Amino acid sequence: MTLSPWAEQQQQGQLIGSFDEKAYLLEKQLKAGDDPYRDHAFNLAESDRLGSERVIRDTRHYRCASVNYDANLPPTSIIITFNNEARSTLLRTIKSVLLRSPPSLIQEIILIDDFSTDRSYCTLICVLGLIRSRVRGADSASASILTFLDSHCEVNTDWLQPMIQRVKEDRTRVVSPIIDVISLDNFAYLAASADLRGGFDWSLHFKWEQIPIEQKMSRNDPTLPIRTPVIAGGIFVMDKSWFNHLGQYDTHMDIWGGENFELSFRVWMCGGSLEILPCSRVGHVFRKRHPYDFPEGNALTYIKNTRRAAEVWMDEYKQYYYSARPSAQGKAFGSIADRLTLRHKLNCKSFHWYMENVYPELSLYWLTRQVRGESLYQTGERESLYQTGERGESLPDRLEGRGESLYWLTRQVRESLLANQTGERGESLPDR
């Protein structure tokens, strides 16, 4: 059934109006003298002041407004996992979805209270950590398409249609919006660049990076999808049957961290693709620390999770992960037998294929072909080294994986790097 715009607005109003929003917010207000950053790692006072909804600027390229989508797009189950989330922030996430999405595209919104200490948020569904909670949410979803959202987001105008359209056309696509920035201090909504994609260094540290120059030059339409080697992980749309076929998440990973690499490698290497869609925008509060506890500590949890991803998916390239993150060696990471069996069953490609076909720019971070038996960890974030050509001339772009072809360093630069990276006897120096 197709609803008129007026009827859609009425339906949205009924969904929101059945909830006592004022009482919900008043029950957990910030007390005078309390640190507004203490519990949530963002300015709770400012979030509460904004309330549950506000007008935000449409940050899409103007040509997105003229893009047409199928009239019969399938609905999606929206899965939001949260842990002790600020009430005003969580409610603003939910209401932004209701107010800026066609009701016909929302099958349901599944809220998963992941062991909040405040048991009055909603009925506790599971106590599993973010990664396993998302699997529980996906299992509970009744729609054929899954939409994963973080609990401190605000979706923008027509955010959902582009992503559902791409997944409807090809169920092996996993798509993500451009993620705008919501300031953790004043909650200003700031537009992110439309020329970025997801990348990483060899320590499996996620970073946003510029689209490779060849890809940028070939993009004559700013509304076209952007191929991305990895996604940030918290906000994406995926066909449910494809999610299940690929093995959902690695549920032996703990809490948070590294799951986006494991999922991204698996999607690309096992027959799918990852895209960022410029005509879909979602704002997200990026915090400087985690406001929740990791039972084994943040660092050890991240090492365990990323080591599992490296051991299952990176083949011989995992040596570069260990060179970049030597503290990971010897750390427990549990059994990976079931994930290796899954990879074999799915007949997935090698990580060498991923390097050659998906992320060849990653080679810029390493000079392994130049120093036999050694691997040098150099990234644009940590070093101020310039790319050089065969004759040693400097090139303007630093080693940031921005799409330039791989340039070999001269012997002089190479020896200088090796001297800085290793001791007199050649032993590897610890992480900085």
Protein backbone atom coordinates (compact mmCIF):
# COMPACT_ATOMS: atom_id res chain seq x y z
CA MET A 1 0.00 0.00 0.00
CA THR A 2 1.33 3.44 -0.96
CA LEU A 3 0.55 6.26 1.45
CA SER A 4 0.16 9.90 0.46
CA PRO A 5 2.67 12.35 2.03
CA TRP A 6 -0.11 13.60 4.37
CA ALA A 7 -1.01 10.07 5.44
CA GLU A 8 2.66 9.23 6.01
CA GLN A 9 3.06 12.23 8.29
CA GLN A 10 -0.07 11.23 10.21
CA GLN A 11 1.27 7.69 10.64
CA GLN A 12 4.62 9.00 11.89
CA GLY A 13 2.83 11.26 14.35
CA GLN A 14 0.86 8.32 15.73
CA LEU A 15 4.03 6.28 16.20
CA ILE A 16 5.71 9.06 18.14
CA GLY A 17 2.63 10.30 19.96
CA SER A 18 2.01 7.01 21.77
CA PHE A 19 5.16 7.51 23.86
CA ASP A 20 5.42 9.79 26.94
CA GLU A 21 8.54 11.54 25.80
CA LYS A 22 8.57 14.27 28.45
CA ALA A 23 8.42 11.82 31.35
CA TYR A 24 11.09 9.64 29.77
CA LEU A 25 13.52 12.58 29.50
CA LEU A 26 12.76 14.15 32.88
CA GLU A 27 13.49 10.89 34.69
CA LYS A 28 17.21 11.11 33.87
CA GLN A 29 18.18 14.77 33.79
CA LEU A 30 21.68 16.05 34.50
CA LYS A 31 21.95 17.38 38.04
CA ALA A 32 23.41 20.78 38.83
CA GLY A 33 27.17 20.56 39.31
CA ASP A 34 27.55 17.21 37.51
CA ASP A 35 30.22 16.87 34.83
CA PRO A 36 28.25 16.73 31.56
CA TYR A 37 30.98 14.62 29.90
CA ARG A 38 31.42 12.04 32.67
CA ASP A 39 28.93 9.34 31.78
CA HIS A 40 28.69 9.55 28.00
CA ALA A 41 31.94 11.19 26.80
CA PHE A 42 29.97 14.01 25.22
CA ASN A 43 28.21 17.14 26.49
CA LEU A 44 25.02 15.73 27.97
CA ALA A 45 23.78 19.19 28.99
CA GLU A 46 23.81 20.32 25.36
CA SER A 47 22.15 17.13 24.15
CA ASP A 48 19.38 17.53 26.73
CA ARG A 49 18.92 21.17 25.78
CA LEU A 50 18.31 20.22 22.15
CA GLY A 51 15.54 17.80 23.05
CA SER A 52 14.39 14.88 20.96
CA GLU A 53 14.27 16.51 17.54
CA ARG A 54 15.69 19.43 15.62
CA VAL A 55 16.10 20.72 12.10
CA ILE A 56 19.43 19.85 10.47
CA ARG A 57 20.85 21.04 7.19
CA ASP A 58 20.59 18.78 4.15
CA THR A 59 24.28 18.12 3.53
CA ARG A 60 23.93 16.16 0.28
CA HIS A 61 25.10 17.39 -3.09
CA TYR A 62 22.24 19.31 -4.72
CA ARG A 63 22.03 16.75 -7.53
CA CYS A 64 20.94 14.06 -5.04
CA ALA A 65 17.51 15.67 -4.81
CA SER A 66 16.82 14.77 -8.45
CA VAL A 67 17.83 11.09 -8.17
CA ASN A 68 14.86 8.75 -8.58
CA TYR A 69 14.36 5.49 -6.69
CA ASP A 70 12.05 2.53 -7.27
CA ALA A 71 8.54 3.02 -5.95
CA ASN A 72 8.42 -0.54 -4.58
CA LEU A 73 11.54 -0.61 -2.44
CA PRO A 74 11.43 -3.34 0.23
CA PRO A 75 11.19 -2.32 3.90
CA THR A 76 14.05 -2.71 6.35
CA SER A 77 14.51 -3.68 9.99
CA ILE A 78 16.50 -0.96 11.77
CA ILE A 79 18.71 -2.36 14.54
CA ILE A 80 20.02 0.00 17.24
CA THR A 81 22.19 -1.42 20.02
CA PHE A 82 22.89 0.78 23.02
CA ASN A 83 24.53 0.66 26.43
CA ASN A 84 23.62 3.33 28.99
CA GLU A 85 23.02 5.78 26.17
CA ALA A 86 21.93 9.31 27.06
CA ARG A 87 18.17 9.39 26.80
CA SER A 88 17.96 12.57 24.76
CA THR A 89 20.56 11.24 22.31
CA LEU A 90 18.92 7.84 21.92
CA LEU A 91 15.50 9.39 21.48
CA ARG A 92 16.82 11.86 18.91
CA THR A 93 18.30 8.93 16.96
CA ILE A 94 14.96 7.13 16.90
CA LYS A 95 12.88 10.19 16.08
CA SER A 96 15.19 11.25 13.27
CA VAL A 97 14.57 7.82 11.70
CA LEU A 98 10.81 8.17 12.09
CA LEU A 99 10.66 11.74 10.81
CA ARG A 100 13.08 11.44 7.88
CA SER A 101 12.20 7.99 6.53
CA PRO A 102 9.22 6.93 4.42
CA PRO A 103 7.06 4.82 6.79
CA SER A 104 6.66 2.22 4.04
CA LEU A 105 10.40 1.49 4.28
CA ILE A 106 10.46 0.84 8.03
CA GLN A 107 9.37 -2.65 8.92
CA GLU A 108 10.42 -2.20 12.54
CA ILE A 109 12.96 -0.52 14.78
CA ILE A 110 14.67 -3.03 17.06
CA LEU A 111 16.23 -1.53 20.19
CA ILE A 112 18.71 -3.79 21.93
CA ASP A 113 19.55 -2.73 25.48
CA ASP A 114 22.97 -4.28 25.87
CA PHE A 115 23.24 -4.65 29.64
CA SER A 116 22.62 -1.02 30.63
CA THR A 117 22.98 -0.50 34.35
CA ASP A 118 19.84 1.61 34.20
CA ARG A 119 17.28 -1.16 33.70
CA SER A 120 14.47 1.33 33.00
CA TYR A 121 15.66 2.04 29.43
CA CYS A 122 13.68 -0.82 27.97
CA THR A 123 13.34 -4.56 28.41
CA LEU A 124 16.76 -6.21 28.51
CA ILE A 125 17.18 -8.36 25.41
CA CYS A 126 20.72 -9.62 25.78
CA VAL A 127 23.98 -9.20 27.65
CA LEU A 128 26.43 -10.02 24.91
CA GLY A 129 28.43 -6.93 23.92
CA LEU A 130 27.94 -4.81 20.81
CA ILE A 131 29.07 -7.39 18.25
CA ARG A 132 26.96 -10.28 19.53
CA SER A 133 24.05 -7.91 20.22
CA ARG A 134 23.90 -7.00 16.55
CA VAL A 135 23.70 -10.68 15.65
CA ARG A 136 20.82 -11.07 18.11
CA GLY A 137 19.10 -8.09 16.53
CA ALA A 138 19.57 -9.49 13.03
CA ASP A 139 18.13 -12.84 14.13
CA SER A 140 15.08 -11.04 15.49
CA ALA A 141 14.54 -8.92 12.37
CA SER A 142 11.59 -9.78 10.16
CA ALA A 143 12.53 -7.66 7.13
CA SER A 144 14.66 -8.93 4.24
CA ILE A 145 17.05 -5.97 4.57
CA LEU A 146 18.96 -5.04 7.74
CA THR A 147 19.95 -1.49 8.70
CA PHE A 148 22.43 -1.13 11.55
CA LEU A 149 22.63 2.22 13.36
CA ASP A 150 24.57 3.51 16.34
CA SER A 151 22.57 4.97 19.21
CA HIS A 152 24.02 8.50 18.95
CA CYS A 153 23.10 9.39 15.37
CA GLU A 154 20.78 11.66 13.43
CA VAL A 155 19.75 10.54 9.97
CA ASN A 156 19.43 13.18 7.28
CA THR A 157 17.02 13.83 4.41
CA ASP A 158 16.22 10.81 2.21
CA TRP A 159 18.98 8.80 3.84
CA LEU A 160 17.37 5.40 3.49
CA GLN A 161 16.20 5.20 -0.12
CA PRO A 162 19.68 5.25 -1.77
CA MET A 163 20.95 2.40 0.39
CA ILE A 164 17.93 0.16 0.00
CA GLN A 165 17.96 0.79 -3.75
CA ARG A 166 21.55 -0.41 -4.10
CA VAL A 167 20.94 -3.54 -2.00
CA LYS A 168 17.74 -4.31 -3.88
CA GLU A 169 19.66 -4.19 -7.18
CA ASP A 170 22.39 -6.52 -5.90
CA ARG A 171 22.04 -8.33 -2.60
CA THR A 172 25.81 -8.82 -2.29
CA ARG A 173 26.34 -5.08 -1.83
CA VAL A 174 26.96 -3.77 1.66
CA VAL A 175 26.37 -0.02 1.68
CA SER A 176 27.09 2.79 4.10
CA PRO A 177 26.17 6.48 4.13
CA ILE A 178 28.58 9.37 4.28
CA ILE A 179 28.94 9.84 8.02
CA ASP A 180 28.65 13.49 8.99
CA VAL A 181 30.06 14.75 12.29
CA ILE A 182 27.99 15.78 15.29
CA SER A 183 30.19 17.76 17.69
CA LEU A 184 30.59 16.09 21.06
CA ASP A 185 30.79 19.54 22.65
CA ASN A 186 27.97 21.64 21.19
CA PHE A 187 26.21 19.04 19.00
CA ALA A 188 26.66 21.15 15.88
CA TYR A 189 25.88 19.10 12.77
CA LEU A 190 28.88 19.32 10.40
CA ALA A 191 29.05 18.04 6.83
CA ALA A 192 31.76 15.47 6.09
CA SER A 193 33.68 15.47 2.82
CA ALA A 194 32.16 13.51 -0.03
CA ASP A 195 35.65 12.54 -1.23
CA LEU A 196 36.49 10.13 1.59
CA ARG A 197 36.46 6.37 1.92
CA GLY A 198 37.38 3.94 4.68
CA GLY A 199 40.99 2.78 4.96
CA PHE A 200 43.43 1.37 7.49
CA ASP A 201 47.07 0.88 8.27
CA TRP A 202 48.79 -2.39 8.94
CA SER A 203 48.07 -2.25 12.67
CA LEU A 204 44.39 -2.45 11.66
CA HIS A 205 43.69 1.09 12.75
CA PHE A 206 40.73 2.50 10.83
CA LYS A 207 41.05 5.89 9.17
CA TRP A 208 39.19 8.05 6.71
CA GLU A 209 41.26 8.76 3.60
CA GLN A 210 40.91 10.55 0.31
CA ILE A 211 39.51 8.66 -2.65
CA PRO A 212 42.38 7.56 -4.95
CA ILE A 213 43.09 10.19 -7.59
CA GLU A 214 42.27 7.81 -10.47
CA GLN A 215 38.87 7.08 -8.95
CA LYS A 216 38.24 10.74 -8.23
CA MET A 217 39.12 11.77 -11.80
CA SER A 218 36.74 9.18 -13.24
CA ARG A 219 33.80 10.35 -11.11
CA ASN A 220 31.82 12.69 -13.38
CA ASP A 221 28.66 12.28 -11.30
CA PRO A 222 28.84 13.21 -7.57
CA THR A 223 25.84 10.98 -6.79
CA LEU A 224 27.60 7.74 -7.82
CA PRO A 225 28.65 5.17 -5.19
CA ILE A 226 32.20 5.16 -3.82
CA ARG A 227 34.02 1.83 -3.57
CA THR A 228 35.57 1.49 -0.14
CA PRO A 229 38.06 -1.12 1.16
CA VAL A 230 36.45 -1.08 4.62
CA ILE A 231 33.47 0.48 6.34
CA ALA A 232 33.47 2.17 9.72
CA GLY A 233 31.23 -0.60 11.00
CA GLY A 234 28.46 1.01 12.99
CA ILE A 235 26.16 2.26 10.23
CA PHE A 236 25.39 0.14 7.17
CA VAL A 237 22.66 -1.64 5.22
CA MET A 238 22.86 -5.29 4.14
CA ASP A 239 20.60 -7.98 2.77
CA LYS A 240 19.64 -10.33 5.61
CA SER A 241 20.07 -13.53 3.61
CA TRP A 242 23.52 -12.35 2.47
CA PHE A 243 24.42 -11.42 6.06
CA ASN A 244 23.50 -14.93 7.17
CA HIS A 245 25.19 -16.59 4.17
CA LEU A 246 28.45 -14.83 4.97
CA GLY A 247 28.39 -15.93 8.60
CA GLN A 248 26.97 -12.82 10.30
CA TYR A 249 29.65 -11.54 12.73
CA ASP A 250 32.52 -13.36 14.39
CA THR A 251 30.75 -13.83 17.72
CA HIS A 252 33.98 -14.80 19.47
CA MET A 253 35.07 -11.18 19.22
CA ASP A 254 34.38 -9.24 22.40
CA ILE A 255 32.49 -5.99 23.04
CA TRP A 256 33.69 -3.65 20.28
CA GLY A 257 36.59 -3.08 17.89
CA GLY A 258 37.94 -4.91 14.85
CA GLU A 259 34.61 -6.32 13.71
CA ASN A 260 34.47 -3.85 10.83
CA PHE A 261 37.72 -5.24 9.39
CA GLU A 262 36.57 -8.84 9.71
CA LEU A 263 33.25 -8.04 8.04
CA SER A 264 34.85 -5.92 5.32
CA PHE A 265 37.48 -8.51 4.40
CA ARG A 266 34.83 -11.21 4.36
CA VAL A 267 32.44 -9.26 2.15
CA TRP A 268 35.06 -8.41 -0.46
CA MET A 269 36.89 -11.75 -0.44
CA CYS A 270 33.74 -13.87 -0.48
CA GLY A 271 31.94 -12.35 -3.45
CA GLY A 272 30.46 -9.05 -2.27
CA SER A 273 31.35 -5.38 -2.37
CA LEU A 274 31.37 -2.35 -0.08
CA GLU A 275 30.11 1.10 -1.05
CA ILE A 276 29.67 4.53 0.47
CA LEU A 277 26.67 6.37 -0.99
CA PRO A 278 27.07 10.16 -1.28
CA CYS A 279 23.30 10.71 -1.43
CA SER A 280 22.83 9.13 1.98
CA ARG A 281 23.95 11.14 5.00
CA VAL A 282 23.86 10.22 8.69
CA GLY A 283 25.32 12.34 11.48
CA HIS A 284 27.26 10.61 14.25
CA VAL A 285 28.73 11.77 17.57
CA PHE A 286 32.42 10.81 17.46
CA ARG A 287 33.74 10.49 20.98
CA LYS A 288 37.35 10.64 22.21
CA ARG A 289 36.95 7.78 24.68
CA HIS A 290 34.67 4.82 25.37
CA PRO A 291 32.16 5.57 28.14
CA TYR A 292 31.76 1.86 28.95
CA ASP A 293 34.05 -0.76 30.44
CA PHE A 294 35.97 -3.52 28.65
CA PRO A 295 36.35 -6.54 30.98
CA GLU A 296 39.92 -7.18 29.79
CA GLY A 297 40.73 -3.54 29.03
CA ASN A 298 40.27 -1.64 25.79
CA ALA A 299 43.72 -2.43 24.37
CA LEU A 300 43.62 -6.19 25.02
CA THR A 301 40.09 -6.49 23.64
CA TYR A 302 41.07 -4.66 20.46
CA ILE A 303 44.17 -6.82 20.07
CA LYS A 304 42.17 -10.01 20.50
CA ASN A 305 39.58 -8.95 17.95
CA THR A 306 41.98 -7.66 15.32
CA ARG A 307 44.26 -10.67 15.76
CA ARG A 308 41.29 -12.94 15.02
CA ALA A 309 40.63 -10.94 11.84
CA ALA A 310 44.30 -11.14 10.82
CA GLU A 311 44.64 -14.86 11.50
CA VAL A 312 41.51 -15.79 9.56
CA TRP A 313 41.65 -13.42 6.60
CA MET A 314 45.08 -11.89 6.02
CA ASP A 315 47.06 -15.01 5.03
CA GLU A 316 50.79 -14.30 4.71
CA TYR A 317 50.11 -10.58 5.05
CA LYS A 318 49.37 -11.05 8.74
CA GLN A 319 53.12 -10.78 9.38
CA TYR A 320 52.79 -7.07 8.61
CA TYR A 321 50.05 -6.75 11.21
CA TYR A 322 52.35 -8.30 13.82
CA SER A 323 55.25 -6.07 12.74
CA ALA A 324 53.04 -3.02 13.09
CA ARG A 325 51.50 -4.23 16.36
CA PRO A 326 54.16 -6.39 18.08
CA SER A 327 52.20 -6.30 21.34
CA ALA A 328 49.66 -8.62 19.69
CA GLN A 329 52.11 -11.51 19.49
CA GLY A 330 51.45 -14.14 22.12
CA LYS A 331 48.10 -12.68 23.16
CA ALA A 332 45.19 -15.10 23.40
CA PHE A 333 42.57 -14.83 20.68
CA GLY A 334 40.53 -18.00 21.09
CA SER A 335 39.71 -20.70 18.57
CA ILE A 336 39.22 -19.64 14.94
CA ALA A 337 38.44 -23.11 13.61
CA ASP A 338 34.82 -22.27 12.81
CA ARG A 339 35.76 -19.09 10.94
CA LEU A 340 38.42 -20.89 8.90
CA THR A 341 35.86 -23.56 8.05
CA LEU A 342 33.44 -20.82 6.98
CA ARG A 343 36.08 -19.24 4.73
CA HIS A 344 36.77 -22.58 3.07
CA LYS A 345 33.05 -23.32 2.67
CA LEU A 346 32.43 -19.95 1.01
CA ASN A 347 35.41 -20.46 -1.32
CA CYS A 348 36.70 -16.99 -0.54
CA LYS A 349 39.56 -15.31 -2.38
CA SER A 350 42.99 -14.68 -0.90
CA PHE A 351 44.13 -11.54 0.86
CA HIS A 352 46.60 -11.09 -1.98
CA TRP A 353 43.58 -10.76 -4.28
CA TYR A 354 42.15 -8.16 -1.88
CA MET A 355 45.43 -6.23 -2.01
CA GLU A 356 45.59 -6.33 -5.79
CA ASN A 357 41.95 -5.61 -6.56
CA VAL A 358 40.46 -3.72 -3.63
CA TYR A 359 43.20 -1.88 -1.74
CA PRO A 360 46.43 -1.70 -3.76
CA GLU A 361 47.17 1.69 -2.16
CA LEU A 362 47.91 -0.08 1.12
CA SER A 363 51.27 -1.09 -0.37
CA LEU A 364 52.36 2.53 0.07
CA TYR A 365 52.53 1.93 3.81
CA TRP A 366 55.09 -0.80 3.44
CA LEU A 367 58.42 -1.22 1.70
CA THR A 368 58.70 -4.98 1.99
CA ARG A 369 59.70 -5.42 -1.64
CA GLN A 370 62.61 -3.05 -1.10
CA VAL A 371 64.07 -4.43 2.11
CA ARG A 372 64.28 -8.18 1.84
CA GLY A 373 63.31 -9.89 5.04
CA GLU A 374 62.23 -6.67 6.71
CA SER A 375 58.94 -4.79 6.92
CA LEU A 376 58.91 -1.07 7.60
CA TYR A 377 55.85 0.48 9.16
CA GLN A 378 55.40 3.94 7.74
CA THR A 379 52.17 5.86 7.46
CA GLY A 380 51.38 9.43 6.64
CA GLU A 381 49.87 9.82 10.10
CA ARG A 382 53.07 8.87 11.89
CA GLU A 383 55.84 10.02 9.58
CA SER A 384 56.43 13.08 7.41
CA LEU A 385 58.02 11.15 4.56
CA TYR A 386 57.33 11.93 0.92
CA GLN A 387 56.84 9.49 -1.89
CA THR A 388 59.80 9.40 -4.25
CA GLY A 389 60.18 8.26 -7.81
CA GLU A 390 62.76 5.95 -9.29
CA ARG A 391 65.21 8.85 -9.57
CA GLY A 392 64.54 10.02 -6.03
CA GLU A 393 62.46 13.10 -6.86
CA SER A 394 59.96 14.16 -4.21
CA LEU A 395 56.27 13.82 -4.93
CA PRO A 396 53.71 16.11 -3.34
CA ASP A 397 51.51 13.54 -1.65
CA ARG A 398 52.71 11.94 1.55
CA LEU A 399 52.39 8.26 2.33
CA GLU A 400 48.69 8.46 3.05
CA GLY A 401 47.35 5.82 0.67
CA ARG A 402 45.60 8.44 -1.45
CA GLY A 403 45.55 6.56 -4.69
CA GLU A 404 48.92 7.41 -6.18
CA SER A 405 50.79 4.58 -7.86
CA LEU A 406 53.40 2.79 -5.80
CA TYR A 407 56.75 4.57 -6.00
CA TRP A 408 59.91 2.84 -4.91
CA LEU A 409 62.09 4.63 -2.41
CA THR A 410 65.72 5.27 -3.27
CA ARG A 411 68.43 3.40 -1.44
CA GLN A 412 69.36 6.45 0.63
CA VAL A 413 65.84 7.01 1.90
CA ARG A 414 65.32 3.29 2.37
CA GLU A 415 68.43 2.92 4.50
CA SER A 416 67.43 5.95 6.53
CA LEU A 417 64.04 4.45 7.25
CA LEU A 418 65.58 1.14 8.23
CA ALA A 419 67.98 2.89 10.61
CA ASN A 420 65.10 4.73 12.26
CA GLN A 421 62.94 1.62 12.53
CA THR A 422 65.50 -0.90 13.85
CA GLY A 423 68.34 -0.94 16.35
CA GLU A 424 72.05 -1.41 15.62
CA ARG A 425 71.69 -5.18 15.53
CA GLY A 426 68.55 -5.02 13.39
CA GLU A 427 66.05 -5.83 16.14
CA SER A 428 62.64 -4.27 15.76
CA LEU A 429 61.96 -1.30 18.00
CA PRO A 430 58.73 -1.26 20.00
CA ASP A 431 55.69 0.76 19.00
CA ARG A 432 56.01 4.47 19.57
